[in-house]
All heavy atoms as atom14 arrays in JSON, in Angstrom:
{
  "sequence": "VRLEGDLRLMYRQHKDDMRGATSRYQEAAARCTVLSARCARQQEAL",
  "atom14_mask": [
    [1, 1, 1, 1, 1, 1, 1, 0, 0, 0, 0, 0, 0, 0],
    [1, 1, 1, 1, 1, 1, 1, 1, 1, 1, 1, 0, 0, 0],
    [1, 1, 1, 1, 1, 1, 1, 1, 0, 0, 0, 0, 0, 0],
    [1, 1, 1, 1, 1, 1, 1, 1, 1, 0, 0, 0, 0, 0],
    [1, 1, 1, 1, 0, 0, 0, 0, 0, 0, 0, 0, 0, 0],
    [1, 1, 1, 1, 1, 1, 1, 1, 0, 0, 0, 0, 0, 0],
    [1, 1, 1, 1, 1, 1, 1, 1, 0, 0, 0, 0, 0, 0],
    [1, 1, 1, 1, 1, 1, 1, 1, 1, 1, 1, 0, 0, 0],
    [1, 1, 1, 1, 1, 1, 1, 1, 0, 0, 0, 0, 0, 0],
    [1, 1, 1, 1, 1, 1, 1, 1, 0, 0, 0, 0, 0, 0],
    [1, 1, 1, 1, 1, 1, 1, 1, 1, 1, 1, 1, 0, 0],
    [1, 1, 1, 1, 1, 1, 1, 1, 1, 1, 1, 0, 0, 0],
    [1, 1, 1, 1, 1, 1, 1, 1, 1, 0, 0, 0, 0, 0],
    [1, 1, 1, 1, 1, 1, 1, 1, 1, 1, 0, 0, 0, 0],
    [1, 1, 1, 1, 1, 1, 1, 1, 1, 0, 0, 0, 0, 0],
    [1, 1, 1, 1, 1, 1, 1, 1, 0, 0, 0, 0, 0, 0],
    [1, 1, 1, 1, 1, 1, 1, 1, 0, 0, 0, 0, 0, 0],
    [1, 1, 1, 1, 1, 1, 1, 1, 0, 0, 0, 0, 0, 0],
    [1, 1, 1, 1, 1, 1, 1, 1, 1, 1, 1, 0, 0, 0],
    [1, 1, 1, 1, 0, 0, 0, 0, 0, 0, 0, 0, 0, 0],
    [1, 1, 1, 1, 1, 0, 0, 0, 0, 0, 0, 0, 0, 0],
    [1, 1, 1, 1, 1, 1, 1, 0, 0, 0, 0, 0, 0, 0],
    [1, 1, 1, 1, 1, 1, 0, 0, 0, 0, 0, 0, 0, 0],
    [1, 1, 1, 1, 1, 1, 1, 1, 1, 1, 1, 0, 0, 0],
    [1, 1, 1, 1, 1, 1, 1, 1, 1, 1, 1, 1, 0, 0],
    [1, 1, 1, 1, 1, 1, 1, 1, 1, 0, 0, 0, 0, 0],
    [1, 1, 1, 1, 1, 1, 1, 1, 1, 0, 0, 0, 0, 0],
    [1, 1, 1, 1, 1, 0, 0, 0, 0, 0, 0, 0, 0, 0],
    [1, 1, 1, 1, 1, 0, 0, 0, 0, 0, 0, 0, 0, 0],
    [1, 1, 1, 1, 1, 0, 0, 0, 0, 0, 0, 0, 0, 0],
    [1, 1, 1, 1, 1, 1, 1, 1, 1, 1, 1, 0, 0, 0],
    [1, 1, 1, 1, 1, 1, 0, 0, 0, 0, 0, 0, 0, 0],
    [1, 1, 1, 1, 1, 1, 1, 0, 0, 0, 0, 0, 0, 0],
    [1, 1, 1, 1, 1, 1, 1, 0, 0, 0, 0, 0, 0, 0],
    [1, 1, 1, 1, 1, 1, 1, 1, 0, 0, 0, 0, 0, 0],
    [1, 1, 1, 1, 1, 1, 0, 0, 0, 0, 0, 0, 0, 0],
    [1, 1, 1, 1, 1, 0, 0, 0, 0, 0, 0, 0, 0, 0],
    [1, 1, 1, 1, 1, 1, 1, 1, 1, 1, 1, 0, 0, 0],
    [1, 1, 1, 1, 1, 1, 0, 0, 0, 0, 0, 0, 0, 0],
    [1, 1, 1, 1, 1, 0, 0, 0, 0, 0, 0, 0, 0, 0],
    [1, 1, 1, 1, 1, 1, 1, 1, 1, 1, 1, 0, 0, 0],
    [1, 1, 1, 1, 1, 1, 1, 1, 1, 0, 0, 0, 0, 0],
    [1, 1, 1, 1, 1, 1, 1, 1, 1, 0, 0, 0, 0, 0],
    [1, 1, 1, 1, 1, 1, 1, 1, 1, 0, 0, 0, 0, 0],
    [1, 1, 1, 1, 1, 0, 0, 0, 0, 0, 0, 0, 0, 0],
    [1, 1, 1, 1, 1, 1, 1, 1, 0, 0, 0, 0, 0, 0]
  ],
  "atom14_positions": [
    [[40.37, -5.24, -122.85], [40.79, -6.38, -123.67], [42.28, -6.65, -123.45], [42.71, -7.8, -123.34], [40.49, -6.12, -125.16], [41.08, -7.19, -126.04], [38.99, -6.0, -125.38], [0.0, 0.0, 0.0], [0.0, 0.0, 0.0], [0.0, 0.0, 0.0], [0.0, 0.0, 0.0], [0.0, 0.0, 0.0], [0.0, 0.0, 0.0], [0.0, 0.0, 0.0]],
    [[43.04, -5.58, -123.36], [44.49, -5.72, -123.14], [44.75, -6.33, -121.77], [45.62, -7.19, -121.63], [45.17, -4.36, -123.26], [46.66, -4.49, -123.11], [47.37, -3.25, -123.59], [48.8, -3.52, -123.56], [49.67, -2.79, -122.93], [49.29, -1.71, -122.28], [50.94, -3.1, -122.95], [0.0, 0.0, 0.0], [0.0, 0.0, 0.0], [0.0, 0.0, 0.0]],
    [[44.02, -5.9, -120.75], [44.18, -6.47, -119.41], [43.83, -7.96, -119.4], [44.52, -8.76, -118.78], [43.3, -5.73, -118.41], [43.8, -4.37, -117.95], [42.75, -3.71, -117.06], [45.11, -4.51, -117.2], [0.0, 0.0, 0.0], [0.0, 0.0, 0.0], [0.0, 0.0, 0.0], [0.0, 0.0, 0.0], [0.0, 0.0, 0.0], [0.0, 0.0, 0.0]],
    [[42.75, -8.3, -120.09], [42.36, -9.7, -120.16], [43.46, -10.52, -120.85], [43.8, -11.62, -120.41], [41.04, -9.87, -120.89], [39.84, -9.43, -120.1], [38.54, -9.54, -120.91], [38.6, -9.93, -122.1], [37.49, -9.26, -120.33], [0.0, 0.0, 0.0], [0.0, 0.0, 0.0], [0.0, 0.0, 0.0], [0.0, 0.0, 0.0], [0.0, 0.0, 0.0]],
    [[44.01, -9.98, -121.91], [45.1, -10.64, -122.63], [46.32, -10.8, -121.73], [46.96, -11.85, -121.71], [0.0, 0.0, 0.0], [0.0, 0.0, 0.0], [0.0, 0.0, 0.0], [0.0, 0.0, 0.0], [0.0, 0.0, 0.0], [0.0, 0.0, 0.0], [0.0, 0.0, 0.0], [0.0, 0.0, 0.0], [0.0, 0.0, 0.0], [0.0, 0.0, 0.0]],
    [[46.68, -9.75, -120.99], [47.81, -9.8, -120.08], [47.58, -10.84, -118.98], [48.48, -11.6, -118.61], [48.07, -8.43, -119.45], [48.65, -7.42, -120.43], [49.08, -7.84, -121.54], [48.66, -6.21, -120.1], [0.0, 0.0, 0.0], [0.0, 0.0, 0.0], [0.0, 0.0, 0.0], [0.0, 0.0, 0.0], [0.0, 0.0, 0.0], [0.0, 0.0, 0.0]],
    [[46.33, -10.87, -118.48], [46.01, -11.86, -117.43], [46.11, -13.29, -117.97], [46.62, -14.18, -117.29], [44.61, -11.6, -116.87], [44.51, -10.4, -115.93], [43.04, -10.17, -115.56], [45.34, -10.63, -114.68], [0.0, 0.0, 0.0], [0.0, 0.0, 0.0], [0.0, 0.0, 0.0], [0.0, 0.0, 0.0], [0.0, 0.0, 0.0], [0.0, 0.0, 0.0]],
    [[45.63, -13.5, -119.2], [45.73, -14.84, -119.8], [47.2, -15.24, -119.98], [47.58, -16.38, -119.71], [45.02, -14.87, -121.15], [43.54, -14.99, -121.05], [42.91, -15.3, -122.41], [41.51, -14.96, -122.36], [40.94, -13.92, -122.95], [41.66, -13.11, -123.69], [39.65, -13.69, -122.83], [0.0, 0.0, 0.0], [0.0, 0.0, 0.0], [0.0, 0.0, 0.0]],
    [[48.0, -14.3, -120.45], [49.43, -14.56, -120.64], [50.1, -14.88, -119.3], [50.86, -15.84, -119.19], [50.11, -13.35, -121.29], [51.62, -13.48, -121.51], [51.92, -14.64, -122.46], [52.17, -12.17, -122.08], [0.0, 0.0, 0.0], [0.0, 0.0, 0.0], [0.0, 0.0, 0.0], [0.0, 0.0, 0.0], [0.0, 0.0, 0.0], [0.0, 0.0, 0.0]],
    [[49.79, -14.08, -118.29], [50.37, -14.33, -116.96], [49.92, -15.69, -116.43], [50.71, -16.43, -115.84], [49.95, -13.23, -115.99], [50.67, -11.91, -116.23], [50.07, -10.58, -115.16], [50.32, -11.23, -113.55], [0.0, 0.0, 0.0], [0.0, 0.0, 0.0], [0.0, 0.0, 0.0], [0.0, 0.0, 0.0], [0.0, 0.0, 0.0], [0.0, 0.0, 0.0]],
    [[48.66, -16.04, -116.66], [48.13, -17.32, -116.2], [48.87, -18.47, -116.9], [49.29, -19.43, -116.26], [46.62, -17.4, -116.47], [46.04, -18.74, -116.14], [45.82, -19.12, -114.82], [45.72, -19.64, -117.16], [45.29, -20.37, -114.52], [45.19, -20.89, -116.87], [44.98, -21.25, -115.55], [44.46, -22.48, -115.26], [0.0, 0.0, 0.0], [0.0, 0.0, 0.0]],
    [[49.04, -18.36, -118.22], [49.75, -19.4, -118.96], [51.19, -19.52, -118.5], [51.7, -20.63, -118.32], [49.71, -19.12, -120.47], [48.46, -19.68, -121.12], [48.53, -19.59, -122.63], [47.55, -18.57, -123.02], [47.81, -17.5, -123.76], [49.0, -17.31, -124.25], [46.86, -16.62, -124.02], [0.0, 0.0, 0.0], [0.0, 0.0, 0.0], [0.0, 0.0, 0.0]],
    [[51.85, -18.38, -118.28], [53.23, -18.41, -117.81], [53.3, -19.05, -116.42], [54.19, -19.88, -116.15], [53.82, -17.0, -117.78], [54.1, -16.43, -119.15], [54.54, -14.97, -119.08], [54.34, -14.29, -118.09], [55.14, -14.5, -120.17], [0.0, 0.0, 0.0], [0.0, 0.0, 0.0], [0.0, 0.0, 0.0], [0.0, 0.0, 0.0], [0.0, 0.0, 0.0]],
    [[52.39, -18.69, -115.56], [52.35, -19.26, -114.22], [52.11, -20.77, -114.28], [52.74, -21.56, -113.58], [51.27, -18.58, -113.37], [51.1, -19.17, -112.02], [52.06, -19.06, -111.04], [50.09, -19.91, -111.49], [51.64, -19.71, -109.97], [50.44, -20.22, -110.21], [0.0, 0.0, 0.0], [0.0, 0.0, 0.0], [0.0, 0.0, 0.0], [0.0, 0.0, 0.0]],
    [[51.18, -21.16, -115.17], [50.87, -22.57, -115.33], [52.11, -23.33, -115.84], [52.44, -24.41, -115.34], [49.72, -22.71, -116.34], [48.87, -23.92, -116.14], [47.57, -23.76, -116.9], [47.42, -24.87, -117.89], [46.2, -24.84, -118.65], [0.0, 0.0, 0.0], [0.0, 0.0, 0.0], [0.0, 0.0, 0.0], [0.0, 0.0, 0.0], [0.0, 0.0, 0.0]],
    [[52.82, -22.74, -116.81], [54.05, -23.35, -117.32], [55.11, -23.42, -116.23], [55.82, -24.42, -116.1], [54.58, -22.58, -118.53], [53.7, -22.72, -119.77], [52.87, -23.66, -119.79], [53.84, -21.9, -120.69], [0.0, 0.0, 0.0], [0.0, 0.0, 0.0], [0.0, 0.0, 0.0], [0.0, 0.0, 0.0], [0.0, 0.0, 0.0], [0.0, 0.0, 0.0]],
    [[55.24, -22.34, -115.46], [56.2, -22.33, -114.35], [55.87, -23.42, -113.33], [56.76, -24.11, -112.83], [56.23, -20.96, -113.66], [56.84, -19.87, -114.52], [57.49, -20.2, -115.54], [56.65, -18.68, -114.18], [0.0, 0.0, 0.0], [0.0, 0.0, 0.0], [0.0, 0.0, 0.0], [0.0, 0.0, 0.0], [0.0, 0.0, 0.0], [0.0, 0.0, 0.0]],
    [[54.59, -23.56, -113.02], [54.16, -24.58, -112.06], [54.42, -25.98, -112.6], [54.86, -26.87, -111.87], [52.67, -24.42, -111.72], [52.37, -23.28, -110.78], [53.2, -23.46, -109.18], [52.38, -24.9, -108.54], [0.0, 0.0, 0.0], [0.0, 0.0, 0.0], [0.0, 0.0, 0.0], [0.0, 0.0, 0.0], [0.0, 0.0, 0.0], [0.0, 0.0, 0.0]],
    [[54.16, -26.17, -113.87], [54.41, -27.46, -114.5], [55.9, -27.8, -114.42], [56.29, -28.92, -114.09], [53.93, -27.44, -115.95], [53.78, -28.82, -116.56], [53.18, -28.77, -117.97], [51.85, -28.13, -117.96], [51.49, -27.14, -118.77], [52.34, -26.66, -119.65], [50.3, -26.62, -118.71], [0.0, 0.0, 0.0], [0.0, 0.0, 0.0], [0.0, 0.0, 0.0]],
    [[56.74, -26.81, -114.71], [58.19, -27.02, -114.63], [58.65, -27.29, -113.21], [59.47, -28.19, -112.97], [0.0, 0.0, 0.0], [0.0, 0.0, 0.0], [0.0, 0.0, 0.0], [0.0, 0.0, 0.0], [0.0, 0.0, 0.0], [0.0, 0.0, 0.0], [0.0, 0.0, 0.0], [0.0, 0.0, 0.0], [0.0, 0.0, 0.0], [0.0, 0.0, 0.0]],
    [[58.11, -26.54, -112.26], [58.48, -26.75, -110.86], [58.02, -28.12, -110.37], [58.75, -28.81, -109.66], [57.88, -25.65, -109.99], [0.0, 0.0, 0.0], [0.0, 0.0, 0.0], [0.0, 0.0, 0.0], [0.0, 0.0, 0.0], [0.0, 0.0, 0.0], [0.0, 0.0, 0.0], [0.0, 0.0, 0.0], [0.0, 0.0, 0.0], [0.0, 0.0, 0.0]],
    [[56.84, -28.52, -110.79], [56.33, -29.85, -110.42], [57.21, -30.94, -110.99], [57.55, -31.91, -110.32], [54.87, -30.02, -110.89], [54.07, -29.01, -110.28], [54.33, -31.38, -110.56], [0.0, 0.0, 0.0], [0.0, 0.0, 0.0], [0.0, 0.0, 0.0], [0.0, 0.0, 0.0], [0.0, 0.0, 0.0], [0.0, 0.0, 0.0], [0.0, 0.0, 0.0]],
    [[57.6, -30.77, -112.23], [58.47, -31.75, -112.88], [59.82, -31.83, -112.17], [60.33, -32.92, -111.91], [58.67, -31.37, -114.35], [59.57, -32.25, -114.97], [0.0, 0.0, 0.0], [0.0, 0.0, 0.0], [0.0, 0.0, 0.0], [0.0, 0.0, 0.0], [0.0, 0.0, 0.0], [0.0, 0.0, 0.0], [0.0, 0.0, 0.0], [0.0, 0.0, 0.0]],
    [[60.39, -30.68, -111.84], [61.68, -30.68, -111.12], [61.54, -31.33, -109.75], [62.41, -32.07, -109.31], [62.21, -29.25, -110.99], [62.74, -28.68, -112.29], [63.48, -27.37, -112.08], [62.67, -26.33, -111.46], [61.82, -25.53, -112.1], [61.66, -25.66, -113.41], [61.14, -24.6, -111.46], [0.0, 0.0, 0.0], [0.0, 0.0, 0.0], [0.0, 0.0, 0.0]],
    [[60.43, -31.06, -109.09], [60.18, -31.67, -107.77], [60.09, -33.19, -107.9], [60.68, -33.93, -107.11], [58.9, -31.11, -107.16], [58.48, -31.84, -105.92], [59.08, -31.57, -104.7], [57.51, -32.84, -105.98], [58.7, -32.26, -103.56], [57.14, -33.53, -104.85], [57.74, -33.24, -103.63], [57.38, -33.93, -102.52], [0.0, 0.0, 0.0], [0.0, 0.0, 0.0]],
    [[59.36, -33.67, -108.9], [59.21, -35.11, -109.08], [60.54, -35.77, -109.42], [60.85, -36.86, -108.93], [58.17, -35.4, -110.17], [56.76, -35.07, -109.72], [55.75, -35.12, -110.86], [56.11, -35.07, -112.04], [54.48, -35.22, -110.51], [0.0, 0.0, 0.0], [0.0, 0.0, 0.0], [0.0, 0.0, 0.0], [0.0, 0.0, 0.0], [0.0, 0.0, 0.0]],
    [[61.35, -35.1, -110.23], [62.68, -35.63, -110.56], [63.56, -35.68, -109.32], [64.27, -36.66, -109.09], [63.33, -34.78, -111.64], [62.68, -34.91, -113.01], [63.16, -33.84, -113.99], [64.06, -33.05, -113.65], [62.62, -33.81, -115.11], [0.0, 0.0, 0.0], [0.0, 0.0, 0.0], [0.0, 0.0, 0.0], [0.0, 0.0, 0.0], [0.0, 0.0, 0.0]],
    [[63.5, -34.63, -108.51], [64.29, -34.6, -107.27], [63.81, -35.68, -106.3], [64.62, -36.35, -105.65], [64.2, -33.22, -106.62], [0.0, 0.0, 0.0], [0.0, 0.0, 0.0], [0.0, 0.0, 0.0], [0.0, 0.0, 0.0], [0.0, 0.0, 0.0], [0.0, 0.0, 0.0], [0.0, 0.0, 0.0], [0.0, 0.0, 0.0], [0.0, 0.0, 0.0]],
    [[62.53, -35.88, -106.21], [61.98, -36.92, -105.34], [62.44, -38.29, -105.81], [62.78, -39.16, -104.99], [60.46, -36.83, -105.29], [0.0, 0.0, 0.0], [0.0, 0.0, 0.0], [0.0, 0.0, 0.0], [0.0, 0.0, 0.0], [0.0, 0.0, 0.0], [0.0, 0.0, 0.0], [0.0, 0.0, 0.0], [0.0, 0.0, 0.0], [0.0, 0.0, 0.0]],
    [[62.46, -38.51, -107.11], [62.92, -39.8, -107.65], [64.4, -40.0, -107.33], [64.8, -41.11, -106.95], [62.68, -39.85, -109.16], [0.0, 0.0, 0.0], [0.0, 0.0, 0.0], [0.0, 0.0, 0.0], [0.0, 0.0, 0.0], [0.0, 0.0, 0.0], [0.0, 0.0, 0.0], [0.0, 0.0, 0.0], [0.0, 0.0, 0.0], [0.0, 0.0, 0.0]],
    [[65.2, -38.95, -107.48], [66.63, -39.05, -107.14], [66.81, -39.35, -105.66], [67.66, -40.16, -105.27], [67.37, -37.78, -107.53], [67.65, -37.66, -109.02], [68.64, -36.55, -109.33], [68.21, -35.24, -108.87], [67.46, -34.39, -109.57], [67.05, -34.73, -110.77], [67.14, -33.22, -109.08], [0.0, 0.0, 0.0], [0.0, 0.0, 0.0], [0.0, 0.0, 0.0]],
    [[66.01, -38.71, -104.82], [66.07, -38.96, -103.38], [65.74, -40.41, -103.06], [66.37, -41.02, -102.19], [65.12, -38.02, -102.63], [65.77, -36.35, -102.46], [0.0, 0.0, 0.0], [0.0, 0.0, 0.0], [0.0, 0.0, 0.0], [0.0, 0.0, 0.0], [0.0, 0.0, 0.0], [0.0, 0.0, 0.0], [0.0, 0.0, 0.0], [0.0, 0.0, 0.0]],
    [[64.77, -40.95, -103.74], [64.39, -42.35, -103.53], [65.55, -43.28, -103.89], [65.87, -44.2, -103.14], [63.14, -42.71, -104.37], [62.07, -41.84, -103.96], [62.74, -44.15, -104.19], [0.0, 0.0, 0.0], [0.0, 0.0, 0.0], [0.0, 0.0, 0.0], [0.0, 0.0, 0.0], [0.0, 0.0, 0.0], [0.0, 0.0, 0.0], [0.0, 0.0, 0.0]],
    [[66.2, -43.0, -105.02], [67.34, -43.8, -105.45], [68.47, -43.67, -104.43], [69.08, -44.67, -104.02], [67.82, -43.39, -106.86], [69.16, -44.01, -107.2], [66.77, -43.76, -107.9], [0.0, 0.0, 0.0], [0.0, 0.0, 0.0], [0.0, 0.0, 0.0], [0.0, 0.0, 0.0], [0.0, 0.0, 0.0], [0.0, 0.0, 0.0], [0.0, 0.0, 0.0]],
    [[68.77, -42.44, -104.02], [69.85, -42.23, -103.05], [69.53, -42.88, -101.71], [70.42, -43.43, -101.06], [70.11, -40.73, -102.87], [70.74, -40.04, -104.07], [70.82, -38.53, -103.82], [72.12, -40.6, -104.37], [0.0, 0.0, 0.0], [0.0, 0.0, 0.0], [0.0, 0.0, 0.0], [0.0, 0.0, 0.0], [0.0, 0.0, 0.0], [0.0, 0.0, 0.0]],
    [[68.29, -42.84, -101.31], [67.88, -43.47, -100.06], [68.11, -44.98, -100.13], [68.59, -45.59, -99.17], [66.42, -43.15, -99.77], [66.02, -43.74, -98.58], [0.0, 0.0, 0.0], [0.0, 0.0, 0.0], [0.0, 0.0, 0.0], [0.0, 0.0, 0.0], [0.0, 0.0, 0.0], [0.0, 0.0, 0.0], [0.0, 0.0, 0.0], [0.0, 0.0, 0.0]],
    [[67.77, -45.58, -101.25], [67.98, -47.03, -101.43], [69.47, -47.35, -101.4], [69.9, -48.33, -100.78], [67.35, -47.5, -102.73], [0.0, 0.0, 0.0], [0.0, 0.0, 0.0], [0.0, 0.0, 0.0], [0.0, 0.0, 0.0], [0.0, 0.0, 0.0], [0.0, 0.0, 0.0], [0.0, 0.0, 0.0], [0.0, 0.0, 0.0], [0.0, 0.0, 0.0]],
    [[70.28, -46.53, -102.06], [71.74, -46.73, -102.03], [72.28, -46.62, -100.62], [73.13, -47.4, -100.2], [72.44, -45.71, -102.93], [72.3, -45.99, -104.38], [73.06, -44.96, -105.19], [72.8, -45.08, -106.6], [73.17, -44.2, -107.5], [73.8, -43.11, -107.13], [72.9, -44.39, -108.77], [0.0, 0.0, 0.0], [0.0, 0.0, 0.0], [0.0, 0.0, 0.0]],
    [[71.79, -45.63, -99.9], [72.22, -45.43, -98.5], [71.88, -46.66, -97.66], [72.69, -47.09, -96.84], [71.54, -44.2, -97.91], [72.59, -42.77, -97.84], [0.0, 0.0, 0.0], [0.0, 0.0, 0.0], [0.0, 0.0, 0.0], [0.0, 0.0, 0.0], [0.0, 0.0, 0.0], [0.0, 0.0, 0.0], [0.0, 0.0, 0.0], [0.0, 0.0, 0.0]],
    [[70.7, -47.18, -97.85], [70.28, -48.36, -97.09], [71.19, -49.54, -97.39], [71.61, -50.26, -96.47], [68.82, -48.71, -97.41], [0.0, 0.0, 0.0], [0.0, 0.0, 0.0], [0.0, 0.0, 0.0], [0.0, 0.0, 0.0], [0.0, 0.0, 0.0], [0.0, 0.0, 0.0], [0.0, 0.0, 0.0], [0.0, 0.0, 0.0], [0.0, 0.0, 0.0]],
    [[71.53, -49.73, -98.67], [72.44, -50.83, -99.04], [73.83, -50.6, -98.43], [74.46, -51.54, -97.97], [72.53, -50.97, -100.55], [71.28, -51.58, -101.17], [71.49, -52.0, -102.61], [71.96, -50.96, -103.48], [71.18, -50.16, -104.21], [69.87, -50.29, -104.16], [71.7, -49.23, -104.99], [0.0, 0.0, 0.0], [0.0, 0.0, 0.0], [0.0, 0.0, 0.0]],
    [[74.3, -49.35, -98.44], [75.6, -49.05, -97.85], [75.59, -49.31, -96.34], [76.56, -49.83, -95.79], [76.0, -47.61, -98.15], [76.41, -47.39, -99.58], [76.74, -45.94, -99.87], [76.45, -45.05, -99.08], [77.34, -45.69, -101.02], [0.0, 0.0, 0.0], [0.0, 0.0, 0.0], [0.0, 0.0, 0.0], [0.0, 0.0, 0.0], [0.0, 0.0, 0.0]],
    [[74.5, -48.95, -95.68], [74.39, -49.2, -94.24], [74.41, -50.69, -93.96], [75.03, -51.14, -93.0], [73.12, -48.56, -93.68], [73.15, -47.04, -93.66], [74.29, -46.49, -92.83], [74.62, -47.0, -91.78], [74.91, -45.43, -93.31], [0.0, 0.0, 0.0], [0.0, 0.0, 0.0], [0.0, 0.0, 0.0], [0.0, 0.0, 0.0], [0.0, 0.0, 0.0]],
    [[73.74, -51.48, -94.79], [73.76, -52.92, -94.64], [75.18, -53.46, -94.83], [75.63, -54.32, -94.07], [72.81, -53.59, -95.63], [71.34, -53.38, -95.33], [70.44, -53.93, -96.43], [70.93, -54.65, -97.34], [69.24, -53.64, -96.38], [0.0, 0.0, 0.0], [0.0, 0.0, 0.0], [0.0, 0.0, 0.0], [0.0, 0.0, 0.0], [0.0, 0.0, 0.0]],
    [[75.88, -52.96, -95.85], [77.24, -53.4, -96.11], [78.16, -53.02, -94.94], [79.02, -53.82, -94.54], [77.77, -52.79, -97.41], [0.0, 0.0, 0.0], [0.0, 0.0, 0.0], [0.0, 0.0, 0.0], [0.0, 0.0, 0.0], [0.0, 0.0, 0.0], [0.0, 0.0, 0.0], [0.0, 0.0, 0.0], [0.0, 0.0, 0.0], [0.0, 0.0, 0.0]],
    [[77.98, -51.83, -94.4], [78.78, -51.42, -93.25], [78.51, -52.3, -92.03], [79.44, -52.67, -91.3], [78.51, -49.95, -92.91], [79.17, -48.93, -93.81], [78.65, -47.52, -93.49], [80.68, -48.96, -93.67], [0.0, 0.0, 0.0], [0.0, 0.0, 0.0], [0.0, 0.0, 0.0], [0.0, 0.0, 0.0], [0.0, 0.0, 0.0], [0.0, 0.0, 0.0]]
  ]
}
């Protein structure tokens, strides 16, 4: 029972870690998209 409880806890922690990592990845991807658009405008201006 204790092992099952530990496994559930580890699973939840892993799931939370994955959710956080996914969120950080999506935020970084959004920032990259914004920076890419800015770069394109700067290249046009240059």
